[in-house]
Protein backbone atom coordinates (compact mmCIF):
# COMPACT_ATOMS: atom_id res chain seq x y z
CA MET A 1 -6.30 -9.30 -12.93
CA ARG A 2 -5.44 -12.47 -13.31
CA LYS A 3 -3.05 -11.20 -16.14
CA ILE A 4 -1.21 -8.49 -14.13
CA ILE A 5 -0.99 -11.19 -11.05
CA LEU A 6 0.57 -13.39 -13.68
CA SER A 7 2.80 -10.50 -15.26
CA ALA A 8 4.19 -9.68 -12.05
CA LEU A 9 5.04 -12.81 -11.01
CA ALA A 10 6.72 -13.26 -14.32
CA VAL A 11 8.95 -10.17 -13.78
CA MET A 12 9.79 -11.30 -10.54
CA ALA A 13 10.97 -14.68 -11.53
CA PHE A 14 13.07 -12.93 -14.21
CA GLY A 15 14.80 -10.82 -11.94
CA LEU A 16 15.27 -13.66 -9.15
CA THR A 17 17.15 -15.40 -12.32
CA ASN A 18 19.01 -12.37 -13.21
CA ALA A 19 19.64 -10.72 -9.77
CA GLN A 20 23.10 -10.35 -8.18
CA SER A 21 21.64 -11.52 -4.95
CA THR A 22 18.03 -12.28 -3.27
CA LYS A 23 17.05 -11.87 0.36
CA PHE A 24 13.57 -12.56 1.39
CA GLY A 25 12.28 -11.39 4.59
CA VAL A 26 9.27 -10.41 6.58
CA LYS A 27 7.67 -7.06 7.70
CA GLY A 28 4.83 -5.41 9.65
CA GLY A 29 4.18 -2.30 11.44
CA LEU A 30 1.38 0.35 11.63
CA ASN A 31 -0.75 2.26 9.22
CA LEU A 32 -2.22 5.50 9.57
CA SER A 33 -4.51 5.60 7.11
CA ASN A 34 -7.41 8.06 5.27
CA ILE A 35 -9.87 8.47 2.38
CA VAL A 36 -9.29 11.91 0.81
CA GLY A 37 -10.86 13.91 -1.99
CA GLY A 38 -14.48 13.66 -3.95
CA ASP A 39 -17.26 14.31 -1.65
CA VAL A 40 -15.88 12.75 1.33
CA GLU A 41 -15.54 15.26 4.48
CA ASN A 42 -15.13 15.55 7.88
CA THR A 43 -12.66 12.32 8.04
CA ASN A 44 -10.08 11.55 10.55
CA SER A 45 -7.08 9.09 10.34
CA LEU A 46 -7.81 5.41 11.28
CA VAL A 47 -4.88 3.51 13.13
CA GLY A 48 -4.18 0.08 11.45
CA PHE A 49 -1.46 -2.39 10.63
CA HIS A 50 0.03 -4.45 7.81
CA VAL A 51 2.20 -7.61 7.78
CA GLY A 52 3.83 -9.86 4.96
CA GLY A 53 6.80 -10.86 3.12
CA PHE A 54 9.01 -8.93 0.61
CA ALA A 55 11.88 -10.33 -1.62
CA GLU A 56 14.94 -8.08 -2.24
CA ILE A 57 16.48 -8.49 -5.57
CA LYS A 58 19.76 -6.72 -5.80
CA ILE A 59 20.25 -5.66 -9.69
CA ALA A 60 23.52 -3.40 -9.05
CA ASP A 61 25.47 -2.76 -5.84
CA LYS A 62 23.17 0.18 -4.84
CA PHE A 63 20.02 -0.86 -6.77
CA ALA A 64 17.25 -3.61 -6.06
CA ILE A 65 13.68 -4.04 -6.65
CA GLN A 66 11.76 -5.15 -4.00
CA PRO A 67 8.31 -6.78 -4.71
CA GLU A 68 6.10 -7.63 -1.69
CA LEU A 69 3.02 -9.07 -0.27
CA LEU A 70 1.29 -7.66 2.56
CA TYR A 71 -2.04 -7.71 4.41
CA SER A 72 -3.03 -4.40 5.12
CA ALA A 73 -5.76 -3.11 7.58
CA GLN A 74 -6.77 0.61 6.23
CA GLY A 75 -10.10 3.01 6.26
CA THR A 76 -10.81 6.34 7.69
CA LYS A 77 -12.87 7.59 11.13
CA ILE A 78 -15.87 9.82 9.95
CA ASP A 79 -17.56 12.29 11.87
CA GLY A 80 -21.42 12.14 10.97
CA GLY A 81 -22.05 15.05 13.26
CA PRO A 82 -25.13 14.74 15.89
CA VAL A 83 -27.29 12.72 13.57
CA PHE A 84 -25.34 10.09 12.41
CA GLY A 85 -22.69 10.23 14.98
CA ASP A 86 -18.84 8.90 14.65
CA PHE A 87 -18.11 5.40 12.82
CA ASP A 88 -15.17 3.96 10.91
CA VAL A 89 -15.03 2.38 7.86
CA LYS A 90 -12.40 -0.46 7.45
CA LEU A 91 -10.73 -1.70 4.20
CA ASP A 92 -8.75 -4.91 4.40
CA TYR A 93 -6.49 -5.09 1.60
CA LEU A 94 -3.96 -7.63 -0.07
CA ASN A 95 -1.41 -5.04 -1.12
CA ILE A 96 1.26 -5.89 -3.84
CA PRO A 97 3.47 -3.17 -3.93
CA VAL A 98 6.90 -3.24 -6.50
CA LEU A 99 9.41 -0.96 -5.29
CA ALA A 100 12.62 0.26 -7.17
CA LYS A 101 14.94 0.69 -4.02
CA TYR A 102 18.23 2.77 -3.88
CA TYR A 103 20.73 2.50 -1.08
CA ILE A 104 22.20 6.26 -1.06
CA VAL A 105 24.47 5.09 1.73
CA GLU A 106 25.44 1.40 3.13
CA LYS A 107 22.46 2.08 6.14
CA PHE A 108 19.93 4.53 4.16
CA SER A 109 17.74 3.80 1.05
CA VAL A 110 14.98 5.51 -0.43
CA GLU A 111 12.02 3.37 -2.54
CA ALA A 112 9.30 4.14 -5.15
CA GLY A 113 6.89 2.13 -7.29
CA PRO A 114 3.08 0.87 -8.10
CA GLN A 115 1.16 -0.79 -5.88
CA LEU A 116 -1.78 -3.12 -6.77
CA GLY A 117 -4.32 -3.47 -3.85
CA ILE A 118 -6.87 -6.58 -3.59
CA LEU A 119 -9.83 -5.67 -1.37
CA LEU A 120 -10.72 -8.46 1.03
CA SER A 121 -13.45 -6.95 2.87
CA ALA A 122 -14.59 -3.60 3.66
CA LYS A 123 -16.90 -2.59 6.89
CA SER A 124 -18.59 0.27 8.07
CA ASP A 125 -19.55 0.26 11.59
CA GLY A 126 -19.67 -3.82 11.48
CA ASP A 127 -21.74 -3.91 8.34
CA ASP A 128 -20.60 -5.41 5.08
CA VAL A 129 -20.12 -2.58 2.53
CA LYS A 130 -17.57 -4.23 0.16
CA ASP A 131 -19.97 -4.00 -2.80
CA SER A 132 -19.64 -0.38 -2.30
CA PHE A 133 -15.86 -0.40 -3.33
CA LYS A 134 -14.05 -1.38 -6.38
CA SER A 135 -12.33 -4.68 -5.46
CA VAL A 136 -9.09 -3.37 -6.91
CA ASP A 137 -7.00 -0.47 -6.00
CA PHE A 138 -3.77 1.18 -7.73
CA GLY A 139 -1.39 3.53 -5.42
CA PHE A 140 1.80 4.81 -5.86
CA ASN A 141 4.90 4.65 -3.00
CA ILE A 142 7.25 6.74 -2.01
CA GLY A 143 9.31 6.10 1.10
CA ALA A 144 13.02 5.90 2.63
CA GLY A 145 14.02 3.23 4.89
CA PHE A 146 17.18 2.78 7.76
CA HIS A 147 19.20 -0.30 8.02
CA PHE A 148 20.54 -0.78 11.53
CA THR A 149 22.30 -4.09 10.63
CA GLU A 150 22.59 -6.21 7.43
CA ASN A 151 19.07 -7.94 8.54
CA LEU A 152 16.99 -5.67 10.58
CA SER A 153 15.90 -2.19 9.05
CA ILE A 154 12.95 0.27 9.73
CA ASN A 155 10.80 1.76 6.86
CA LEU A 156 8.50 5.08 6.47
CA ARG A 157 6.36 4.82 3.66
CA TYR A 158 3.43 6.72 2.04
CA THR A 159 1.12 5.44 -0.40
CA ILE A 160 -1.07 7.67 -2.61
CA GLY A 161 -4.15 6.17 -4.13
CA LEU A 162 -4.57 6.58 -7.77
CA SER A 163 -7.85 4.96 -8.70
CA PRO A 164 -11.49 5.92 -7.64
CA LEU A 165 -12.29 3.69 -4.24
CA ALA A 166 -16.40 3.90 -4.86
CA GLU A 167 -17.58 1.09 -7.06
CA ASP A 168 -20.49 3.55 -8.37
CA ALA A 169 -17.96 6.76 -9.05
CA ASP A 170 -19.64 8.61 -11.42
CA ILE A 171 -16.62 10.17 -13.59
CA ASP A 172 -16.93 11.85 -16.69
CA ASP A 173 -13.91 13.66 -16.96
CA GLU A 174 -10.25 14.26 -16.19
CA GLU A 175 -11.03 16.37 -13.09
CA GLU A 176 -13.43 14.07 -11.58
CA TYR A 177 -11.08 11.54 -11.82
CA TYR A 178 -8.44 13.36 -10.04
CA ASP A 179 -10.96 14.98 -7.25
CA SER A 180 -12.41 11.14 -6.67
CA ALA A 181 -12.08 9.62 -3.09
CA LYS A 182 -8.76 7.71 -3.13
CA ASN A 183 -7.09 6.02 -0.31
CA SER A 184 -3.95 7.48 1.49
CA ASN A 185 -1.66 5.51 3.74
CA LEU A 186 1.24 6.12 6.03
CA ALA A 187 2.86 3.16 6.92
CA LEU A 188 5.55 2.56 9.64
CA SER A 189 7.40 -1.14 9.06
CA LEU A 190 9.76 -3.14 11.00
CA ALA A 191 11.58 -5.41 8.72
CA TYR A 192 14.15 -8.75 8.98
CA LYS A 193 15.73 -10.07 6.00
CA PHE A 194 16.91 -13.71 6.52
């Protein structure tokens, strides 16, 4: 994992030195997250939040690379029926997305790119269940943004999980991998660039 983080930092540093211009910013907003796939049933979306910073590195007039560092509260609500009742599974991540951002017009952009998530904590009904989940999560983002001004923007992004969540996931073939439980997160953000 250390190699992945160092590689990401090297790419960002290279981009900063060769970019036309770089702007830094802060962002935050709401998450609507869930755990989907595998043998996870009777789940509902959980409302959470995210907050962090980013750098928009302009490569060309309409194209930029945007690495981010975000704290993200995610998870799911599980309907355990009359025996177990309803309970929440709350997963806190340090997410590091790196997005390719394209400005279709001056005020509207689309984005896509991979994301590395580092699990900070996992709780089920207040109990620590971090050992039940993988410490690293991989995902892919697609989204769009509307820029009110040069500095202020709103963004809608969907992140689909690519890696299984369970630490003890018994995966023997490709079909079981694709059907394993994964994160799903819809995020609405307000961002400000300096």
